[in-house]
PDB file of N, CA and C in Angstrom:
ATOM      1  N   MET A   1      38.489  33.650  51.591  1.00  0.00           N
ATOM      2  CA  MET A   1      39.443  32.735  50.882  1.00  0.00           C
ATOM      3  C   MET A   1      40.164  31.851  51.813  1.00  0.00           C
ATOM      4  N   THR A   2      40.101  30.539  51.624  1.00  0.00           N
ATOM      5  CA  THR A   2      40.905  29.594  52.560  1.00  0.00           C
ATOM      6  C   THR A   2      42.269  29.383  51.832  1.00  0.00           C
ATOM      7  N   ASP A   3      43.197  28.678  52.424  1.00  0.00           N
ATOM      8  CA  ASP A   3      44.226  28.436  52.216  1.00  0.00           C
ATOM      9  C   ASP A   3      44.519  27.664  50.804  1.00  0.00           C
ATOM     10  N   HIS A   4      43.320  26.779  50.639  1.00  0.00           N
ATOM     11  CA  HIS A   4      43.460  25.999  49.191  1.00  0.00           C
ATOM     12  C   HIS A   4      42.796  26.899  48.281  1.00  0.00           C
ATOM     13  N   ASP A   5      42.439  27.927  48.524  1.00  0.00           N
ATOM     14  CA  ASP A   5      42.209  28.968  47.333  1.00  0.00           C
ATOM     15  C   ASP A   5      43.205  29.879  46.851  1.00  0.00           C
ATOM     16  N   HIS A   6      44.276  29.746  47.483  1.00  0.00           N
ATOM     17  CA  HIS A   6      45.438  30.721  47.106  1.00  0.00           C
ATOM     18  C   HIS A   6      46.351  29.930  45.854  1.00  0.00           C
ATOM     19  N   ILE A   7      46.561  30.865  44.992  1.00  0.00           N
ATOM     20  CA  ILE A   7      47.414  30.335  43.831  1.00  0.00           C
ATOM     21  C   ILE A   7      48.936  30.532  44.014  1.00  0.00           C
ATOM     22  N   HIS A   8      49.809  29.472  44.019  1.00  0.00           N
ATOM     23  CA  HIS A   8      51.097  29.537  44.173  1.00  0.00           C
ATOM     24  C   HIS A   8      51.926  29.557  42.848  1.00  0.00           C
ATOM     25  N   PHE A   9      52.757  30.288  42.604  1.00  0.00           N
ATOM     26  CA  PHE A   9      53.385  30.395  41.342  1.00  0.00           C
ATOM     27  C   PHE A   9      54.962  30.019  41.810  1.00  0.00           C
ATOM     28  N   THR A  10      55.389  29.109  40.836  1.00  0.00           N
ATOM     29  CA  THR A  10      56.810  28.790  40.876  1.00  0.00           C
ATOM     30  C   THR A  10      57.556  29.753  39.916  1.00  0.00           C
ATOM     31  N   ASP A  11      58.930  29.724  39.990  1.00  0.00           N
ATOM     32  CA  ASP A  11      59.821  30.554  39.114  1.00  0.00           C
ATOM     33  C   ASP A  11      59.375  30.427  37.646  1.00  0.00           C
ATOM     34  N   SER A  12      58.982  29.089  37.401  1.00  0.00           N
ATOM     35  CA  SER A  12      58.568  28.864  35.815  1.00  0.00           C
ATOM     36  C   SER A  12      57.336  29.378  35.382  1.00  0.00           C
ATOM     37  N   ALA A  13      56.604  29.876  36.316  1.00  0.00           N
ATOM     38  CA  ALA A  13      55.251  30.481  36.228  1.00  0.00           C
ATOM     39  C   ALA A  13      55.049  31.914  35.947  1.00  0.00           C
ATOM     40  N   HIS A  14      56.269  32.495  35.875  1.00  0.00           N
ATOM     41  CA  HIS A  14      56.567  33.945  35.645  1.00  0.00           C
ATOM     42  C   HIS A  14      56.391  34.307  34.131  1.00  0.00           C
ATOM     43  N   ALA A  15      55.597  35.252  33.773  1.00  0.00           N
ATOM     44  CA  ALA A  15      55.485  35.794  32.391  1.00  0.00           C
ATOM     45  C   ALA A  15      56.729  36.242  31.717  1.00  0.00           C
ATOM     46  N   GLU A  16      57.045  35.825  30.509  1.00  0.00           N
ATOM     47  CA  GLU A  16      58.144  36.391  29.775  1.00  0.00           C
ATOM     48  C   GLU A  16      57.704  37.870  29.488  1.00  0.00           C
ATOM     49  N   VAL A  17      58.892  38.690  29.345  1.00  0.00           N
ATOM     50  CA  VAL A  17      58.838  39.986  29.113  1.00  0.00           C
ATOM     51  C   VAL A  17      59.483  40.435  27.852  1.00  0.00           C
ATOM     52  N   CYS A  18      59.164  41.565  27.020  1.00  0.00           N
ATOM     53  CA  CYS A  18      59.896  41.771  25.843  1.00  0.00           C
ATOM     54  C   CYS A  18      61.339  42.185  26.144  1.00  0.00           C
ATOM     55  N   GLU A  19      62.286  41.833  25.332  1.00  0.00           N
ATOM     56  CA  GLU A  19      63.795  42.255  25.528  1.00  0.00           C
ATOM     57  C   GLU A  19      64.050  43.467  25.087  1.00  0.00           C
ATOM     58  N   THR A  20      62.881  44.268  24.449  1.00  0.00           N
ATOM     59  CA  THR A  20      63.158  45.858  23.763  1.00  0.00           C
ATOM     60  C   THR A  20      61.535  46.033  23.913  1.00  0.00           C
ATOM     61  N   CYS A  21      61.454  47.378  24.284  1.00  0.00           N
ATOM     62  CA  CYS A  21      60.246  48.116  24.461  1.00  0.00           C
ATOM     63  C   CYS A  21      59.693  48.928  23.146  1.00  0.00           C
ATOM     64  N   GLN A  22      58.885  48.244  22.444  1.00  0.00           N
ATOM     65  CA  GLN A  22      58.554  48.946  21.091  1.00  0.00           C
ATOM     66  C   GLN A  22      56.894  49.287  21.327  1.00  0.00           C
ATOM     67  N   VAL A  23      56.475  50.238  21.344  1.00  0.00           N
ATOM     68  CA  VAL A  23      55.049  50.658  21.392  1.00  0.00           C
ATOM     69  C   VAL A  23      54.300  50.489  20.098  1.00  0.00           C
ATOM     70  N   HIS A  24      53.238  49.644  20.001  1.00  0.00           N
ATOM     71  CA  HIS A  24      52.548  49.724  18.790  1.00  0.00           C
ATOM     72  C   HIS A  24      51.284  50.490  18.841  1.00  0.00           C
ATOM     73  N   SER A  25      51.478  51.671  18.443  1.00  0.00           N
ATOM     74  CA  SER A  25      50.494  52.891  18.314  1.00  0.00           C
ATOM     75  C   SER A  25      49.035  52.384  17.912  1.00  0.00           C
ATOM     76  N   SER A  26      49.132  51.626  16.643  1.00  0.00           N
ATOM     77  CA  SER A  26      47.958  51.336  15.835  1.00  0.00           C
ATOM     78  C   SER A  26      47.083  50.301  16.941  1.00  0.00           C
ATOM     79  N   LEU A  27      47.813  49.339  17.443  1.00  0.00           N
ATOM     80  CA  LEU A  27      47.295  48.377  18.268  1.00  0.00           C
ATOM     81  C   LEU A  27      46.752  49.188  19.413  1.00  0.00           C
ATOM     82  N   LEU A  28      47.389  49.983  20.209  1.00  0.00           N
ATOM     83  CA  LEU A  28      46.898  50.825  21.410  1.00  0.00           C
ATOM     84  C   LEU A  28      45.664  51.558  21.093  1.00  0.00           C
ATOM     85  N   LYS A  29      45.656  52.065  19.878  1.00  0.00           N
ATOM     86  CA  LYS A  29      44.404  52.934  19.578  1.00  0.00           C
ATOM     87  C   LYS A  29      43.345  52.071  19.174  1.00  0.00           C
ATOM     88  N   LEU A  30      43.414  50.739  18.515  1.00  0.00           N
ATOM     89  CA  LEU A  30      42.249  49.977  18.589  1.00  0.00           C
ATOM     90  C   LEU A  30      41.811  49.498  20.054  1.00  0.00           C
ATOM     91  N   VAL A  31      42.770  49.054  20.919  1.00  0.00           N
ATOM     92  CA  VAL A  31      42.574  48.725  22.188  1.00  0.00           C
ATOM     93  C   VAL A  31      41.877  49.686  22.967  1.00  0.00           C
ATOM     94  N   ASN A  32      42.184  50.951  23.074  1.00  0.00           N
ATOM     95  CA  ASN A  32      41.557  52.061  23.685  1.00  0.00           C
ATOM     96  C   ASN A  32      40.075  52.402  23.230  1.00  0.00           C
ATOM     97  N   GLU A  33      40.077  52.124  21.824  1.00  0.00           N
ATOM     98  CA  GLU A  33      38.615  52.403  21.241  1.00  0.00           C
ATOM     99  C   GLU A  33      37.562  51.292  21.730  1.00  0.00           C
ATOM    100  N   GLN A  34      38.139  50.132  21.936  1.00  0.00           N
ATOM    101  CA  GLN A  34      37.210  48.999  22.364  1.00  0.00           C
ATOM    102  C   GLN A  34      37.129  48.794  23.788  1.00  0.00           C
ATOM    103  N   LEU A  35      37.970  49.201  24.670  1.00  0.00           N
ATOM    104  CA  LEU A  35      38.096  49.003  26.057  1.00  0.00           C
ATOM    105  C   LEU A  35      36.736  49.372  26.645  1.00  0.00           C
ATOM    106  N   PRO A  36      35.810  48.797  27.385  1.00  0.00           N
ATOM    107  CA  PRO A  36      34.781  49.341  27.978  1.00  0.00           C
ATOM    108  C   PRO A  36      35.168  50.416  29.008  1.00  0.00           C
ATOM    109  N   PRO A  37      34.129  51.261  29.306  1.00  0.00           N
ATOM    110  CA  PRO A  37      34.420  52.187  30.390  1.00  0.00           C
ATOM    111  C   PRO A  37      34.721  51.591  31.862  1.00  0.00           C
ATOM    112  N   GLU A  38      35.458  52.199  32.522  1.00  0.00           N
ATOM    113  CA  GLU A  38      35.914  51.837  33.840  1.00  0.00           C
ATOM    114  C   GLU A  38      35.104  51.331  34.692  1.00  0.00           C
ATOM    115  N   ASP A  39      33.750  51.831  34.763  1.00  0.00           N
ATOM    116  CA  ASP A  39      32.621  51.438  35.560  1.00  0.00           C
ATOM    117  C   ASP A  39      32.307  50.055  35.238  1.00  0.00           C
ATOM    118  N   GLN A  40      32.167  49.883  33.994  1.00  0.00           N
ATOM    119  CA  GLN A  40      31.836  48.473  33.326  1.00  0.00           C
ATOM    120  C   GLN A  40      32.808  47.502  33.796  1.00  0.00           C
ATOM    121  N   LEU A  41      34.059  47.624  33.619  1.00  0.00           N
ATOM    122  CA  LEU A  41      35.042  46.850  34.009  1.00  0.00           C
ATOM    123  C   LEU A  41      35.251  46.553  35.481  1.00  0.00           C
ATOM    124  N   TYR A  42      34.942  47.451  36.290  1.00  0.00           N
ATOM    125  CA  TYR A  42      34.722  47.333  37.600  1.00  0.00           C
ATOM    126  C   TYR A  42      33.578  46.338  38.114  1.00  0.00           C
ATOM    127  N   ASP A  43      32.406  46.369  37.435  1.00  0.00           N
ATOM    128  CA  ASP A  43      31.221  45.716  37.661  1.00  0.00           C
ATOM    129  C   ASP A  43      31.585  44.363  37.171  1.00  0.00           C
ATOM    130  N   LEU A  44      32.243  44.189  36.263  1.00  0.00           N
ATOM    131  CA  LEU A  44      32.508  42.913  35.702  1.00  0.00           C
ATOM    132  C   LEU A  44      33.435  42.074  36.662  1.00  0.00           C
ATOM    133  N   ALA A  45      34.497  42.764  37.179  1.00  0.00           N
ATOM    134  CA  ALA A  45      35.544  42.255  38.059  1.00  0.00           C
ATOM    135  C   ALA A  45      34.597  41.927  39.363  1.00  0.00           C
ATOM    136  N   GLU A  46      33.556  42.536  39.894  1.00  0.00           N
ATOM    137  CA  GLU A  46      32.834  42.202  41.029  1.00  0.00           C
ATOM    138  C   GLU A  46      31.981  41.055  40.530  1.00  0.00           C
ATOM    139  N   LEU A  47      31.493  41.027  39.470  1.00  0.00           N
ATOM    140  CA  LEU A  47      30.831  39.675  39.055  1.00  0.00           C
ATOM    141  C   LEU A  47      31.506  38.547  39.181  1.00  0.00           C
ATOM    142  N   PHE A  48      32.691  38.635  38.827  1.00  0.00           N
ATOM    143  CA  PHE A  48      33.584  37.373  38.809  1.00  0.00           C
ATOM    144  C   PHE A  48      34.035  37.161  40.222  1.00  0.00           C
ATOM    145  N   LYS A  49      33.926  38.054  41.024  1.00  0.00           N
ATOM    146  CA  LYS A  49      34.376  37.727  42.559  1.00  0.00           C
ATOM    147  C   LYS A  49      33.210  36.817  43.194  1.00  0.00           C
ATOM    148  N   ILE A  50      31.896  36.961  42.678  1.00  0.00           N
ATOM    149  CA  ILE A  50      30.918  36.385  43.178  1.00  0.00           C
ATOM    150  C   ILE A  50      31.146  34.843  42.646  1.00  0.00           C
ATOM    151  N   PHE A  51      31.688  34.505  41.590  1.00  0.00           N
ATOM    152  CA  PHE A  51      32.050  33.185  41.106  1.00  0.00           C
ATOM    153  C   PHE A  51      33.090  32.636  41.921  1.00  0.00           C
ATOM    154  N   GLY A  52      33.968  33.407  42.561  1.00  0.00           N
ATOM    155  CA  GLY A  52      35.093  32.901  43.305  1.00  0.00           C
ATOM    156  C   GLY A  52      34.754  32.050  44.653  1.00  0.00           C
ATOM    157  N   ASP A  53      33.631  31.812  44.764  1.00  0.00           N
ATOM    158  CA  ASP A  53      33.238  30.930  46.103  1.00  0.00           C
ATOM    159  C   ASP A  53      32.696  29.636  45.492  1.00  0.00           C
ATOM    160  N   SER A  54      33.313  28.640  46.236  1.00  0.00           N
ATOM    161  CA  SER A  54      32.819  27.318  45.785  1.00  0.00           C
ATOM    162  C   SER A  54      31.395  26.677  46.162  1.00  0.00           C
ATOM    163  N   THR A  55      30.984  27.463  47.383  1.00  0.00           N
ATOM    164  CA  THR A  55      29.631  27.226  47.971  1.00  0.00           C
ATOM    165  C   THR A  55      28.631  27.642  46.868  1.00  0.00           C
ATOM    166  N   ARG A  56      29.075  28.958  46.444  1.00  0.00           N
ATOM    167  CA  ARG A  56      28.053  29.622  45.519  1.00  0.00           C
ATOM    168  C   ARG A  56      28.117  28.772  44.099  1.00  0.00           C
ATOM    169  N   ILE A  57      29.148  28.391  43.742  1.00  0.00           N
ATOM    170  CA  ILE A  57      29.131  27.700  42.376  1.00  0.00           C
ATOM    171  C   ILE A  57      28.458  26.380  42.535  1.00  0.00           C
ATOM    172  N   ARG A  58      28.418  25.686  43.680  1.00  0.00           N
ATOM    173  CA  ARG A  58      27.637  24.363  43.980  1.00  0.00           C
ATOM    174  C   ARG A  58      26.293  24.834  43.891  1.00  0.00           C
ATOM    175  N   ILE A  59      25.763  25.958  44.513  1.00  0.00           N
ATOM    176  CA  ILE A  59      24.191  26.409  44.513  1.00  0.00           C
ATOM    177  C   ILE A  59      24.036  26.435  43.059  1.00  0.00           C
ATOM    178  N   LEU A  60      24.631  27.118  42.199  1.00  0.00           N
ATOM    179  CA  LEU A  60      24.250  27.608  40.856  1.00  0.00           C
ATOM    180  C   LEU A  60      24.261  26.215  40.111  1.00  0.00           C
ATOM    181  N   PHE A  61      25.160  25.322  40.350  1.00  0.00           N
ATOM    182  CA  PHE A  61      25.045  23.995  39.846  1.00  0.00           C
ATOM    183  C   PHE A  61      23.695  23.118  39.887  1.00  0.00           C
ATOM    184  N   VAL A  62      23.297  23.381  41.278  1.00  0.00           N
ATOM    185  CA  VAL A  62      22.152  22.646  41.571  1.00  0.00           C
ATOM    186  C   VAL A  62      20.968  23.387  40.753  1.00  0.00           C
ATOM    187  N   LEU A  63      21.070  24.755  40.843  1.00  0.00           N
ATOM    188  CA  LEU A  63      19.792  25.471  40.092  1.00  0.00           C
ATOM    189  C   LEU A  63      19.927  25.357  38.413  1.00  0.00           C
ATOM    190  N   PHE A  64      21.193  24.428  38.013  1.00  0.00           N
ATOM    191  CA  PHE A  64      21.187  24.239  36.631  1.00  0.00           C
ATOM    192  C   PHE A  64      20.189  23.071  36.320  1.00  0.00           C
ATOM    193  N   GLU A  65      19.741  22.451  37.264  1.00  0.00           N
ATOM    194  CA  GLU A  65      18.950  21.328  37.193  1.00  0.00           C
ATOM    195  C   GLU A  65      17.394  21.362  37.284  1.00  0.00           C
ATOM    196  N   SER A  66      17.126  22.427  38.269  1.00  0.00           N
ATOM    197  CA  SER A  66      15.936  22.749  38.675  1.00  0.00           C
ATOM    198  C   SER A  66      15.710  23.864  39.674  1.00  0.00           C
ATOM    199  N   GLU A  67      14.543  24.483  39.523  1.00  0.00           N
ATOM    200  CA  GLU A  67      14.164  25.352  40.607  1.00  0.00           C
ATOM    201  C   GLU A  67      14.052  24.868  41.845  1.00  0.00           C
ATOM    202  N   VAL A  68      14.602  25.284  43.108  1.00  0.00           N
ATOM    203  CA  VAL A  68      14.527  24.431  44.299  1.00  0.00           C
ATOM    204  C   VAL A  68      14.297  25.480  45.358  1.00  0.00           C
ATOM    205  N   CYS A  69      13.889  24.956  46.418  1.00  0.00           N
ATOM    206  CA  CYS A  69      13.537  25.863  47.621  1.00  0.00           C
ATOM    207  C   CYS A  69      14.980  25.700  48.542  1.00  0.00           C
ATOM    208  N   VAL A  70      15.046  26.662  49.530  1.00  0.00           N
ATOM    209  CA  VAL A  70      16.143  26.573  50.406  1.00  0.00           C
ATOM    210  C   VAL A  70      16.214  25.391  51.108  1.00  0.00           C
ATOM    211  N   CYS A  71      15.374  24.590  51.521  1.00  0.00           N
ATOM    212  CA  CYS A  71      15.287  23.411  52.154  1.00  0.00           C
ATOM    213  C   CYS A  71      16.056  22.531  51.367  1.00  0.00           C
ATOM    214  N   ASP A  72      15.652  22.165  49.948  1.00  0.00           N
ATOM    215  CA  ASP A  72      16.324  21.396  49.267  1.00  0.00           C
ATOM    216  C   ASP A  72      17.646  21.541  48.903  1.00  0.00           C
ATOM    217  N   LEU A  73      18.089  22.918  48.753  1.00  0.00           N
ATOM    218  CA  LEU A  73      19.242  23.350  48.548  1.00  0.00           C
ATOM    219  C   LEU A  73      20.238  22.933  49.770  1.00  0.00           C
ATOM    220  N   ALA A  74      19.761  23.289  50.983  1.00  0.00           N
ATOM    221  CA  ALA A  74      20.407  22.840  52.254  1.00  0.00           C
ATOM    222  C   ALA A  74      20.697  21.296  52.145  1.00  0.00           C
ATOM    223  N   GLU A  75      19.917  20.542  52.038  1.00  0.00           N
ATOM    224  CA  GLU A  75      19.694  19.069  52.115  1.00  0.00           C
ATOM    225  C   GLU A  75      20.880  18.487  50.898  1.00  0.00           C
ATOM    226  N   ALA A  76      20.556  19.108  49.740  1.00  0.00           N
ATOM    227  CA  ALA A  76      21.508  18.661  48.752  1.00  0.00           C
ATOM    228  C   ALA A  76      23.063  18.842  48.982  1.00  0.00           C
ATOM    229  N   LEU A  77      23.277  20.099  49.545  1.00  0.00           N
ATOM    230  CA  LEU A  77      24.684  20.423  49.668  1.00  0.00           C
ATOM    231  C   LEU A  77      25.217  20.155  51.138  1.00  0.00           C
ATOM    232  N   HIS A  78      24.468  19.774  52.016  1.00  0.00           N
ATOM    233  CA  HIS A  78      24.811  19.169  53.394  1.00  0.00           C
ATOM    234  C   HIS A  78      25.206  20.539  54.032  1.00  0.00           C
ATOM    235  N   MET A  79      24.343  21.308  54.098  1.00  0.00           N
ATOM    236  CA  MET A  79      24.625  22.909  54.651  1.00  0.00           C
ATOM    237  C   MET A  79      23.360  23.108  55.447  1.00  0.00           C
ATOM    238  N   THR A  80      23.588  24.246  56.458  1.00  0.00           N
ATOM    239  CA  THR A  80      22.454  24.688  57.118  1.00  0.00           C
ATOM    240  C   THR A  80      21.635  25.742  56.203  1.00  0.00           C
ATOM    241  N   GLN A  81      20.267  25.810  56.265  1.00  0.00           N
ATOM    242  CA  GLN A  81      19.668  26.801  55.680  1.00  0.00           C
ATOM    243  C   GLN A  81      19.995  28.170  55.767  1.00  0.00           C
ATOM    244  N   SER A  82      20.615  28.641  56.996  1.00  0.00           N
ATOM    245  CA  SER A  82      21.062  29.771  57.144  1.00  0.00           C
ATOM    246  C   SER A  82      22.387  30.147  56.277  1.00  0.00           C
ATOM    247  N   ALA A  83      23.193  29.179  56.207  1.00  0.00           N
ATOM    248  CA  ALA A  83      24.402  29.221  55.206  1.00  0.00           C
ATOM    249  C   ALA A  83      24.058  29.271  54.023  1.00  0.00           C
ATOM    250  N   ILE A  84      23.007  28.567  53.486  1.00  0.00           N
ATOM    251  CA  ILE A  84      22.453  28.658  52.120  1.00  0.00           C
ATOM    252  C   ILE A  84      21.791  29.976  51.612  1.00  0.00           C
ATOM    253  N   SER A  85      20.989  30.477  52.627  1.00  0.00           N
ATOM    254  CA  SER A  85      20.218  31.573  52.389  1.00  0.00           C
ATOM    255  C   SER A  85      21.241  32.891  52.328  1.00  0.00           C
ATOM    256  N   HIS A  86      22.396  32.767  53.110  1.00  0.00           N
ATOM    257  CA  HIS A  86      23.344  33.646  52.977  1.00  0.00           C
ATOM    258  C   HIS A  86      23.969  34.019  51.645  1.00  0.00           C
ATOM    259  N   GLN A  87      24.299  32.827  51.224  1.00  0.00           N
ATOM    260  CA  GLN A  87      24.854  32.694  49.896  1.00  0.00           C
ATOM    261  C   GLN A  87      23.936  33.074  48.716  1.00  0.00           C
ATOM    262  N   LEU A  88      22.625  32.676  48.856  1.00  0.00           N
ATOM    263  CA  LEU A  88      21.601  33.061  48.039  1.00  0.00           C
ATOM    264  C   LEU A  88      21.481  34.552  47.920  1.00  0.00           C
ATOM    265  N   ALA A  89      21.501  35.247  49.076  1.00  0.00           N
ATOM    266  CA  ALA A  89      21.246  36.609  49.085  1.00  0.00           C
ATOM    267  C   ALA A  89      22.363  37.355  48.228  1.00  0.00           C
ATOM    268  N   ILE A  90      23.636  36.953  48.338  1.00  0.00           N
ATOM    269  CA  ILE A  90      24.822  37.497  47.618  1.00  0.00           C
ATOM    270  C   ILE A  90      24.492  37.023  45.984  1.00  0.00           C
ATOM    271  N   LEU A  91      24.089  35.830  45.641  1.00  0.00           N
ATOM    272  CA  LEU A  91      23.707  35.568  44.345  1.00  0.00           C
ATOM    273  C   LEU A  91      22.648  36.291  43.792  1.00  0.00           C
ATOM    274  N   LYS A  92      21.590  36.726  44.567  1.00  0.00           N
ATOM    275  CA  LYS A  92      20.498  37.396  44.179  1.00  0.00           C
ATOM    276  C   LYS A  92      20.716  38.803  44.028  1.00  0.00           C
ATOM    277  N   HIS A  93      21.527  39.448  45.064  1.00  0.00           N
ATOM    278  CA  HIS A  93      22.023  40.946  44.713  1.00  0.00           C
ATOM    279  C   HIS A  93      22.804  41.061  43.654  1.00  0.00           C
ATOM    280  N   SER A  94      23.461  40.184  43.015  1.00  0.00           N
ATOM    281  CA  SER A  94      24.247  40.182  41.956  1.00  0.00           C
ATOM    282  C   SER A  94      23.467  39.678  40.637  1.00  0.00           C
ATOM    283  N   ARG A  95      22.318  39.368  40.760  1.00  0.00           N
ATOM    284  CA  ARG A  95      21.316  39.272  39.826  1.00  0.00           C
ATOM    285  C   ARG A  95      21.643  37.910  38.942  1.00  0.00           C
ATOM    286  N   LEU A  96      22.358  37.191  39.823  1.00  0.00           N
ATOM    287  CA  LEU A  96      22.553  35.681  39.205  1.00  0.00           C
ATOM    288  C   LEU A  96      21.429  34.622  39.439  1.00  0.00           C
ATOM    289  N   VAL A  97      20.852  34.691  40.467  1.00  0.00           N
ATOM    290  CA  VAL A  97      19.455  33.902  40.828  1.00  0.00           C
ATOM    291  C   VAL A  97      18.281  34.864  41.113  1.00  0.00           C
ATOM    292  N   LYS A  98      17.092  34.386  41.060  1.00  0.00           N
ATOM    293  CA  LYS A  98      15.859  35.061  41.195  1.00  0.00           C
ATOM    294  C   LYS A  98      15.052  34.009  42.183  1.00  0.00           C
ATOM    295  N   ALA A  99      13.987  34.587  42.893  1.00  0.00           N
ATOM    296  CA  ALA A  99      13.276  33.997  43.622  1.00  0.00           C
ATOM    297  C   ALA A  99      11.789  34.088  43.482  1.00  0.00           C
ATOM    298  N   ARG A 100      11.193  33.031  43.874  1.00  0.00           N
ATOM    299  CA  ARG A 100       9.620  33.081  43.723  1.00  0.00           C
ATOM    300  C   ARG A 100       9.104  32.391  44.953  1.00  0.00           C
ATOM    301  N   ARG A 101       8.071  33.235  45.666  1.00  0.00           N
ATOM    302  CA  ARG A 101       7.574  32.749  46.828  1.00  0.00           C
ATOM    303  C   ARG A 101       6.263  31.827  46.459  1.00  0.00           C
ATOM    304  N   ASP A 102       6.113  30.668  46.958  1.00  0.00           N
ATOM    305  CA  ASP A 102       4.820  29.779  46.810  1.00  0.00           C
ATOM    306  C   ASP A 102       4.457  29.429  48.136  1.00  0.00           C
ATOM    307  N   GLY A 103       3.389  30.153  48.521  1.00  0.00           N
ATOM    308  CA  GLY A 103       2.981  30.041  50.091  1.00  0.00           C
ATOM    309  C   GLY A 103       3.944  30.461  51.030  1.00  0.00           C
ATOM    310  N   LYS A 104       4.504  29.341  51.866  1.00  0.00           N
ATOM    311  CA  LYS A 104       5.543  29.607  53.048  1.00  0.00           C
ATOM    312  C   LYS A 104       6.813  29.142  52.395  1.00  0.00           C
ATOM    313  N   GLN A 105       7.104  28.663  51.155  1.00  0.00           N
ATOM    314  CA  GLN A 105       8.267  28.460  50.526  1.00  0.00           C
ATOM    315  C   GLN A 105       8.855  29.727  49.481  1.00  0.00           C
ATOM    316  N   VAL A 106      10.100  29.498  49.533  1.00  0.00           N
ATOM    317  CA  VAL A 106      10.628  30.409  48.558  1.00  0.00           C
ATOM    318  C   VAL A 106      11.661  29.654  47.572  1.00  0.00           C
ATOM    319  N   PHE A 107      11.317  29.570  46.237  1.00  0.00           N
ATOM    320  CA  PHE A 107      12.019  28.867  45.202  1.00  0.00           C
ATOM    321  C   PHE A 107      12.830  29.667  44.501  1.00  0.00           C
ATOM    322  N   TYR A 108      14.129  29.249  44.276  1.00  0.00           N
ATOM    323  CA  TYR A 108      15.106  29.848  43.624  1.00  0.00           C
ATOM    324  C   TYR A 108      15.424  29.288  42.230  1.00  0.00           C
ATOM    325  N   SER A 109      15.742  30.018  41.294  1.00  0.00           N
ATOM    326  CA  SER A 109      16.445  29.560  40.072  1.00  0.00           C
ATOM    327  C   SER A 109      17.196  30.597  39.368  1.00  0.00           C
ATOM    328  N   LEU A 110      17.821  30.126  38.160  1.00  0.00           N
ATOM    329  CA  LEU A 110      19.041  30.881  37.598  1.00  0.00           C
ATOM    330  C   LEU A 110      18.160  32.152  37.120  1.00  0.00           C
ATOM    331  N   ALA A 111      18.852  33.295  37.231  1.00  0.00           N
ATOM    332  CA  ALA A 111      18.291  34.564  36.853  1.00  0.00           C
ATOM    333  C   ALA A 111      18.018  34.445  35.070  1.00  0.00           C
ATOM    334  N   ASP A 112      18.960  34.017  34.614  1.00  0.00           N
ATOM    335  CA  ASP A 112      18.888  34.000  32.984  1.00  0.00           C
ATOM    336  C   ASP A 112      19.705  32.858  32.488  1.00  0.00           C
ATOM    337  N   GLU A 113      19.852  32.805  31.247  1.00  0.00           N
ATOM    338  CA  GLU A 113      20.649  31.863  30.457  1.00  0.00           C
ATOM    339  C   GLU A 113      22.035  32.410  30.562  1.00  0.00           C
ATOM    340  N   HIS A 114      22.386  33.633  30.661  1.00  0.00           N
ATOM    341  CA  HIS A 114      23.786  34.061  30.647  1.00  0.00           C
ATOM    342  C   HIS A 114      24.508  33.445  32.009  1.00  0.00           C
ATOM    343  N   VAL A 115      23.792  33.127  33.030  1.00  0.00           N
ATOM    344  CA  VAL A 115      24.482  32.626  34.254  1.00  0.00           C
ATOM    345  C   VAL A 115      24.985  31.141  33.717  1.00  0.00           C
ATOM    346  N   ARG A 116      23.997  30.315  33.042  1.00  0.00           N
ATOM    347  CA  ARG A 116      24.355  29.023  32.577  1.00  0.00           C
ATOM    348  C   ARG A 116      25.475  29.183  31.811  1.00  0.00           C
ATOM    349  N   THR A 117      25.552  29.930  30.940  1.00  0.00           N
ATOM    350  CA  THR A 117      26.723  29.977  29.966  1.00  0.00           C
ATOM    351  C   THR A 117      27.910  30.399  30.450  1.00  0.00           C
ATOM    352  N   ILE A 118      27.969  31.405  31.499  1.00  0.00           N
ATOM    353  CA  ILE A 118      29.280  31.574  32.244  1.00  0.00           C
ATOM    354  C   ILE A 118      29.884  30.645  32.864  1.00  0.00           C
ATOM    355  N   ILE A 119      29.054  29.700  33.561  1.00  0.00           N
ATOM    356  CA  ILE A 119      29.557  28.620  34.162  1.00  0.00           C
ATOM    357  C   ILE A 119      30.039  27.371  33.265  1.00  0.00           C
ATOM    358  N   ALA A 120      29.081  27.235  32.377  1.00  0.00           N
ATOM    359  CA  ALA A 120      29.665  26.154  31.337  1.00  0.00           C
ATOM    360  C   ALA A 120      30.646  26.454  30.752  1.00  0.00           C
ATOM    361  N   GLN A 121      30.939  27.841  30.230  1.00  0.00           N
ATOM    362  CA  GLN A 121      32.123  27.982  29.534  1.00  0.00           C
ATOM    363  C   GLN A 121      33.312  27.899  30.619  1.00  0.00           C
ATOM    364  N   GLY A 122      33.209  28.465  31.902  1.00  0.00           N
ATOM    365  CA  GLY A 122      34.140  28.290  32.939  1.00  0.00           C
ATOM    366  C   GLY A 122      34.568  26.805  33.047  1.00  0.00           C
ATOM    367  N   LEU A 123      33.739  25.887  33.181  1.00  0.00           N
ATOM    368  CA  LEU A 123      33.847  24.510  33.201  1.00  0.00           C
ATOM    369  C   LEU A 123      34.463  23.978  32.201  1.00  0.00           C
ATOM    370  N   ASP A 124      34.382  24.197  30.934  1.00  0.00           N
ATOM    371  CA  ASP A 124      35.013  23.859  29.848  1.00  0.00           C
ATOM    372  C   ASP A 124      36.332  24.186  29.924  1.00  0.00           C
ATOM    373  N   HIS A 125      36.674  25.532  30.223  1.00  0.00           N
ATOM    374  CA  HIS A 125      38.235  26.168  30.254  1.00  0.00           C
ATOM    375  C   HIS A 125      38.842  25.207  31.414  1.00  0.00           C
ATOM    376  N   VAL A 126      38.264  25.084  32.490  1.00  0.00           N
ATOM    377  CA  VAL A 126      39.200  24.185  33.496  1.00  0.00           C
ATOM    378  C   VAL A 126      39.219  22.640  33.235  1.00  0.00           C
ATOM    379  N   SER A 127      38.482  22.267  32.333  1.00  0.00           N
ATOM    380  CA  SER A 127      38.427  20.674  31.960  1.00  0.00           C
ATOM    381  C   SER A 127      39.207  20.440  30.624  1.00  0.00           C
ATOM    382  N   GLU A 128      39.866  21.553  30.211  1.00  0.00           N
ATOM    383  CA  GLU A 128      40.803  21.436  28.948  1.00  0.00           C
ATOM    384  C   GLU A 128      42.098  20.668  29.323  1.00  0.00           C
TER     385      GLU A 128
END
């Protein structure tokens, strides 16, 4: 994480708190019934960490348009093939991209439509 990735809060950004503590048992029961298991929540948090890198986001945006090889990605993003390959390995391990070998080249694409949906909804959110 770089300095520009840190979120800075001002005093006005603090959340308001209840003036009196009143537990709503029926709501808590519903929440506890619907809350996914801890291991799934952990996996979800790990998935969102992958989206926390602007280089990986840029790679995913390129892959929105087309299946591409590492050479094309490196050229499109003005990065070395080694740097791109490192990020692709992380994305592949997280099942966000898939690879296909064609002779001496390896082509990457989005793993499925879920990836497109996650990115599109995130972009919608930050564009509001």
